[in-house]
Amino acid sequence: MKIDADKEFGSRECPGCAMDVPENNNRCPICGYEFPNPTPRQKHMKLWGALIMLAIFLIVILRLL
């Protein structure tokens, strides 16, 4: 996979040493902590969770009208 060197990525905190690590890095350069890669099932569950929350939000809004 080719990564655009000019693109700015967000950062996430390493649970091992609390350093900010760019989101495109899978390993902390300080302590070597390896961030877990989400499985396809986890990605789908995240999507379904978001869709369910959206549906609940819409139901609540429609009941208030």
Protein backbone atom coordinates (compact mmCIF):
# COMPACT_ATOMS: atom_id res chain seq x y z
CA MET A 1 0.00 0.00 0.00
CA LYS A 2 1.39 3.36 -1.00
CA ILE A 3 1.24 6.11 1.63
CA ASP A 4 1.15 9.75 0.64
CA ALA A 5 4.08 11.36 2.47
CA ASP A 6 2.51 14.83 2.29
CA LYS A 7 -0.82 13.81 3.84
CA GLU A 8 -1.24 14.70 7.49
CA PHE A 9 -2.65 11.98 9.69
CA GLY A 10 -4.22 12.36 13.10
CA SER A 11 -2.54 10.94 16.15
CA ARG A 12 -3.46 8.51 18.89
CA GLU A 13 -2.03 8.00 22.34
CA CYS A 14 0.11 4.96 22.95
CA PRO A 15 -1.21 2.99 25.96
CA GLY A 16 2.33 1.84 26.71
CA CYS A 17 4.14 5.17 27.07
CA ALA A 18 1.48 7.89 26.49
CA MET A 19 3.29 9.32 23.46
CA ASP A 20 1.31 10.68 20.51
CA VAL A 21 1.76 8.28 17.61
CA PRO A 22 0.58 9.07 14.04
CA GLU A 23 -2.50 7.04 13.14
CA ASN A 24 -0.77 5.53 10.11
CA ASN A 25 1.88 3.89 12.35
CA ASN A 26 1.00 0.45 13.71
CA ARG A 27 3.88 0.50 16.19
CA CYS A 28 4.97 3.10 18.74
CA PRO A 29 8.47 4.35 17.85
CA ILE A 30 9.30 4.91 21.55
CA CYS A 31 8.24 1.74 23.39
CA GLY A 32 7.41 -0.60 20.47
CA TYR A 33 3.74 -1.13 21.42
CA GLU A 34 1.89 -2.70 18.49
CA PHE A 35 -1.59 -1.31 17.89
CA PRO A 36 -4.07 -4.09 17.11
CA ASN A 37 -5.53 -4.22 13.61
CA PRO A 38 -9.32 -4.37 13.64
CA THR A 39 -10.80 -7.51 12.13
CA PRO A 40 -13.46 -7.24 9.40
CA ARG A 41 -16.07 -8.28 11.98
CA GLN A 42 -15.05 -5.42 14.29
CA LYS A 43 -15.30 -2.95 11.39
CA HIS A 44 -18.80 -4.19 10.55
CA MET A 45 -19.90 -4.04 14.20
CA LYS A 46 -18.74 -0.44 14.39
CA LEU A 47 -20.78 0.41 11.29
CA TRP A 48 -23.89 -1.36 12.60
CA GLY A 49 -23.52 0.37 15.97
CA ALA A 50 -23.40 3.75 14.26
CA LEU A 51 -26.48 2.92 12.16
CA ILE A 52 -28.44 1.77 15.22
CA MET A 53 -27.52 4.94 17.12
CA LEU A 54 -28.63 7.03 14.14
CA ALA A 55 -31.95 5.18 13.99
CA ILE A 56 -32.55 5.71 17.73
CA PHE A 57 -31.69 9.38 17.38
CA LEU A 58 -34.14 9.79 14.49
CA ILE A 59 -36.91 8.01 16.40
CA VAL A 60 -36.40 10.28 19.41
CA ILE A 61 -36.42 13.41 17.25
CA LEU A 62 -39.56 12.33 15.37
CA ARG A 63 -41.40 11.65 18.65
CA LEU A 64 -40.58 15.15 19.88
CA LEU A 65 -42.14 16.76 16.80
